[in-house]
C-alpha cells in the first residue's frame, strides 16, 4: 500500500506526513460508517471515501446507491481539500443525486446528507467555505 498524507496525496515511505492507511476490505456496514465518520472528523475525506467505496462494492444491490452516494460526497470533499472547487461542487452534487435513489439504511439520514452536500456545493460555487458535512 502506498504511503499517503491526510489529503490522500502520495508521499515517500517513512515521510512524517504519512497517515495510517485504512483497511482495503469491506467492513461490516456499521463499522464502515463509524470509521468513515471518524475519518471525516479528522479531515481525511479521501480515506473515508476508500472505506465507503469498499462497502459499496460489497453491498447488496438495493444498498449500493447509499454507499456510492456517500463515497461520491467524500470525493467532493477531497476535491475541496485539494483546492479544486469545480470538482468539489460537481462530486458533491453527484453524490446528492445518487443518494436521492437510496433509501435510509444503517441509521444514515439520507435526506440530511443530501441537504448538506447540496448546501456545500452551493457554498463552493459562491466562493465561501462550506459548513462541515456529517454522514
C-alpha atoms as a PDB file:
ATOM      1  CA  UNK A   1       0.000   0.000   0.000  1.00  0.00           C
ATOM      2  CA  UNK A   2       1.273   3.436  -0.902  1.00  0.00           C
ATOM      3  CA  UNK A   3       2.028   5.993   1.833  1.00  0.00           C
ATOM      4  CA  UNK A   4      -0.322   8.983   1.715  1.00  0.00           C
ATOM      5  CA  UNK A   5      -0.805  12.286   3.537  1.00  0.00           C
ATOM      6  CA  UNK A   6      -4.079  13.311   5.214  1.00  0.00           C
ATOM      7  CA  UNK A   7      -5.433  14.610   1.887  1.00  0.00           C
ATOM      8  CA  UNK A   8      -4.679  11.268   0.232  1.00  0.00           C
ATOM      9  CA  UNK A   9      -1.726  12.522  -1.805  1.00  0.00           C
ATOM     10  CA  UNK A  10       1.150  10.043  -2.210  1.00  0.00           C
ATOM     11  CA  UNK A  11       4.193  10.726  -0.028  1.00  0.00           C
ATOM     12  CA  UNK A  12       7.511   8.888   0.242  1.00  0.00           C
ATOM     13  CA  UNK A  13       7.664   5.887   2.545  1.00  0.00           C
ATOM     14  CA  UNK A  14       8.683   6.999   6.018  1.00  0.00           C
ATOM     15  CA  UNK A  15       7.518  10.567   5.435  1.00  0.00           C
ATOM     16  CA  UNK A  16       6.391  12.364   8.600  1.00  0.00           C
ATOM     17  CA  UNK A  17       3.329  13.461   6.599  1.00  0.00           C
ATOM     18  CA  UNK A  18       2.173   9.867   6.067  1.00  0.00           C
ATOM     19  CA  UNK A  19      -1.016   8.859   7.869  1.00  0.00           C
ATOM     20  CA  UNK A  20      -2.325   5.468   8.900  1.00  0.00           C
ATOM     21  CA  UNK A  21      -3.954   3.654   5.971  1.00  0.00           C
ATOM     22  CA  UNK A  22      -7.468   2.244   6.152  1.00  0.00           C
ATOM     23  CA  UNK A  23      -8.494  -1.372   5.577  1.00  0.00           C
ATOM     24  CA  UNK A  24      -8.838  -2.292   1.913  1.00  0.00           C
ATOM     25  CA  UNK A  25     -11.508  -4.907   2.504  1.00  0.00           C
ATOM     26  CA  UNK A  26     -15.133  -4.029   3.124  1.00  0.00           C
ATOM     27  CA  UNK A  27     -16.079  -3.631   6.760  1.00  0.00           C
ATOM     28  CA  UNK A  28     -19.492  -4.507   8.184  1.00  0.00           C
ATOM     29  CA  UNK A  29     -21.865  -1.593   7.456  1.00  0.00           C
ATOM     30  CA  UNK A  30     -21.963  -0.039  10.920  1.00  0.00           C
ATOM     31  CA  UNK A  31     -18.180  -0.304  11.281  1.00  0.00           C
ATOM     32  CA  UNK A  32     -17.685   1.244   7.834  1.00  0.00           C
ATOM     33  CA  UNK A  33     -19.953   4.159   8.725  1.00  0.00           C
ATOM     34  CA  UNK A  34     -18.289   4.693  12.095  1.00  0.00           C
ATOM     35  CA  UNK A  35     -14.824   4.689  10.534  1.00  0.00           C
ATOM     36  CA  UNK A  36     -15.882   6.971   7.648  1.00  0.00           C
ATOM     37  CA  UNK A  37     -17.457   9.421  10.105  1.00  0.00           C
ATOM     38  CA  UNK A  38     -14.310   9.392  12.240  1.00  0.00           C
ATOM     39  CA  UNK A  39     -12.110   9.968   9.198  1.00  0.00           C
ATOM     40  CA  UNK A  40     -14.252  12.918   8.100  1.00  0.00           C
ATOM     41  CA  UNK A  41     -13.998  14.402  11.582  1.00  0.00           C
ATOM     42  CA  UNK A  42     -10.194  14.077  11.293  1.00  0.00           C
ATOM     43  CA  UNK A  43     -10.180  15.916   7.951  1.00  0.00           C
ATOM     44  CA  UNK A  44      -9.477  12.751   5.935  1.00  0.00           C
ATOM     45  CA  UNK A  45     -12.280  12.534   3.343  1.00  0.00           C
ATOM     46  CA  UNK A  46     -10.064  10.671   0.846  1.00  0.00           C
ATOM     47  CA  UNK A  47      -9.774   7.796   3.306  1.00  0.00           C
ATOM     48  CA  UNK A  48     -13.465   7.979   4.236  1.00  0.00           C
ATOM     49  CA  UNK A  49     -14.138   7.529   0.513  1.00  0.00           C
ATOM     50  CA  UNK A  50     -11.939   4.424   0.425  1.00  0.00           C
ATOM     51  CA  UNK A  51     -13.879   2.862   3.316  1.00  0.00           C
ATOM     52  CA  UNK A  52     -17.240   3.719   1.743  1.00  0.00           C
ATOM     53  CA  UNK A  53     -16.184   2.551  -1.713  1.00  0.00           C
ATOM     54  CA  UNK A  54     -15.235  -0.862  -0.324  1.00  0.00           C
ATOM     55  CA  UNK A  55     -18.656  -1.070   1.362  1.00  0.00           C
ATOM     56  CA  UNK A  56     -20.350  -0.005  -1.895  1.00  0.00           C
ATOM     57  CA  UNK A  57     -18.639  -2.722  -3.914  1.00  0.00           C
ATOM     58  CA  UNK A  58     -19.574  -5.382  -1.334  1.00  0.00           C
ATOM     59  CA  UNK A  59     -23.147  -4.180  -0.712  1.00  0.00           C
ATOM     60  CA  UNK A  60     -26.245  -5.950  -1.955  1.00  0.00           C
ATOM     61  CA  UNK A  61     -27.858  -4.254  -4.977  1.00  0.00           C
ATOM     62  CA  UNK A  62     -30.533  -2.217  -3.181  1.00  0.00           C
ATOM     63  CA  UNK A  63     -27.976  -0.683  -0.790  1.00  0.00           C
ATOM     64  CA  UNK A  64     -25.426   0.271  -3.411  1.00  0.00           C
ATOM     65  CA  UNK A  65     -26.787   3.784  -4.116  1.00  0.00           C
ATOM     66  CA  UNK A  66     -26.371   4.631  -0.419  1.00  0.00           C
ATOM     67  CA  UNK A  67     -22.716   3.632  -0.314  1.00  0.00           C
ATOM     68  CA  UNK A  68     -21.935   5.036  -3.754  1.00  0.00           C
ATOM     69  CA  UNK A  69     -23.543   8.390  -2.933  1.00  0.00           C
ATOM     70  CA  UNK A  70     -21.713   8.662   0.385  1.00  0.00           C
ATOM     71  CA  UNK A  71     -18.425   7.807  -1.346  1.00  0.00           C
ATOM     72  CA  UNK A  72     -19.062  10.451  -4.023  1.00  0.00           C
ATOM     73  CA  UNK A  73     -19.752  13.088  -1.378  1.00  0.00           C
ATOM     74  CA  UNK A  74     -16.402  12.234   0.219  1.00  0.00           C
ATOM     75  CA  UNK A  75     -14.673  12.562  -3.157  1.00  0.00           C
ATOM     76  CA  UNK A  76     -16.239  16.012  -3.428  1.00  0.00           C
ATOM     77  CA  UNK A  77     -14.797  16.899  -0.033  1.00  0.00           C
ATOM     78  CA  UNK A  78     -11.422  15.565  -1.156  1.00  0.00           C
ATOM     79  CA  UNK A  79     -11.513  17.857  -4.197  1.00  0.00           C
ATOM     80  CA  UNK A  80     -12.368  20.746  -1.896  1.00  0.00           C
ATOM     81  CA  UNK A  81      -9.450  19.886   0.388  1.00  0.00           C
ATOM     82  CA  UNK A  82      -7.174  19.806  -2.654  1.00  0.00           C
ATOM     83  CA  UNK A  83      -8.343  23.261  -3.839  1.00  0.00           C
ATOM     84  CA  UNK A  84     -10.362  22.011  -6.817  1.00  0.00           C
ATOM     85  CA  UNK A  85     -13.689  23.837  -6.383  1.00  0.00           C
ATOM     86  CA  UNK A  86     -15.127  22.761  -9.743  1.00  0.00           C
ATOM     87  CA  UNK A  87     -14.543  19.082  -8.987  1.00  0.00           C
ATOM     88  CA  UNK A  88     -15.756  19.555  -5.422  1.00  0.00           C
ATOM     89  CA  UNK A  89     -19.106  21.073  -6.393  1.00  0.00           C
ATOM     90  CA  UNK A  90     -19.607  18.536  -9.191  1.00  0.00           C
ATOM     91  CA  UNK A  91     -18.972  15.494  -6.965  1.00  0.00           C
ATOM     92  CA  UNK A  92     -20.971  16.864  -4.041  1.00  0.00           C
ATOM     93  CA  UNK A  93     -23.954  17.267  -6.376  1.00  0.00           C
ATOM     94  CA  UNK A  94     -23.389  13.881  -7.997  1.00  0.00           C
ATOM     95  CA  UNK A  95     -23.304  12.248  -4.565  1.00  0.00           C
ATOM     96  CA  UNK A  96     -26.513  14.029  -3.569  1.00  0.00           C
ATOM     97  CA  UNK A  97     -28.174  12.864  -6.808  1.00  0.00           C
ATOM     98  CA  UNK A  98     -27.071   9.271  -6.228  1.00  0.00           C
ATOM     99  CA  UNK A  99     -28.335   9.430  -2.650  1.00  0.00           C
ATOM    100  CA  UNK A 100     -31.743  10.528  -3.956  1.00  0.00           C
ATOM    101  CA  UNK A 101     -32.060   6.938  -5.214  1.00  0.00           C
ATOM    102  CA  UNK A 102     -31.062   5.477  -1.836  1.00  0.00           C
ATOM    103  CA  UNK A 103     -33.317   4.536   0.976  1.00  0.00           C
ATOM    104  CA  UNK A 104     -32.360   5.053   4.583  1.00  0.00           C
ATOM    105  CA  UNK A 105     -30.202   2.266   5.926  1.00  0.00           C
ATOM    106  CA  UNK A 106     -27.839   1.687   8.815  1.00  0.00           C
ATOM    107  CA  UNK A 107     -29.008   4.848  10.564  1.00  0.00           C
ATOM    108  CA  UNK A 108     -27.899   7.223   7.797  1.00  0.00           C
ATOM    109  CA  UNK A 109     -30.173  10.256   7.494  1.00  0.00           C
ATOM    110  CA  UNK A 110     -30.052  10.351   3.702  1.00  0.00           C
ATOM    111  CA  UNK A 111     -32.211  13.482   3.453  1.00  0.00           C
ATOM    112  CA  UNK A 112     -29.828  15.357   5.747  1.00  0.00           C
ATOM    113  CA  UNK A 113     -26.730  14.224   3.845  1.00  0.00           C
ATOM    114  CA  UNK A 114     -28.315  15.293   0.530  1.00  0.00           C
ATOM    115  CA  UNK A 115     -29.214  18.696   2.004  1.00  0.00           C
ATOM    116  CA  UNK A 116     -25.703  19.167   3.426  1.00  0.00           C
ATOM    117  CA  UNK A 117     -23.993  18.093   0.194  1.00  0.00           C
ATOM    118  CA  UNK A 118     -26.079  20.473  -1.915  1.00  0.00           C
ATOM    119  CA  UNK A 119     -25.510  23.329   0.542  1.00  0.00           C
ATOM    120  CA  UNK A 120     -21.769  22.621   0.460  1.00  0.00           C
ATOM    121  CA  UNK A 121     -21.780  22.629  -3.357  1.00  0.00           C
ATOM    122  CA  UNK A 122     -23.647  25.946  -3.368  1.00  0.00           C
ATOM    123  CA  UNK A 123     -21.135  27.414  -0.899  1.00  0.00           C
ATOM    124  CA  UNK A 124     -18.219  26.232  -3.037  1.00  0.00           C
ATOM    125  CA  UNK A 125     -19.816  27.786  -6.134  1.00  0.00           C
ATOM    126  CA  UNK A 126     -20.274  31.043  -4.185  1.00  0.00           C
ATOM    127  CA  UNK A 127     -16.607  31.005  -3.185  1.00  0.00           C
ATOM    128  CA  UNK A 128     -17.316  30.519   0.504  1.00  0.00           C
ATOM    129  CA  UNK A 129     -16.256  27.815   2.918  1.00  0.00           C
ATOM    130  CA  UNK A 130     -18.983  25.200   3.362  1.00  0.00           C
ATOM    131  CA  UNK A 131     -20.094  24.004   6.764  1.00  0.00           C
ATOM    132  CA  UNK A 132     -18.603  20.677   7.886  1.00  0.00           C
ATOM    133  CA  UNK A 133     -20.576  17.777   6.490  1.00  0.00           C
ATOM    134  CA  UNK A 134     -21.739  14.838   8.587  1.00  0.00           C
ATOM    135  CA  UNK A 135     -22.809  11.458   7.286  1.00  0.00           C
END
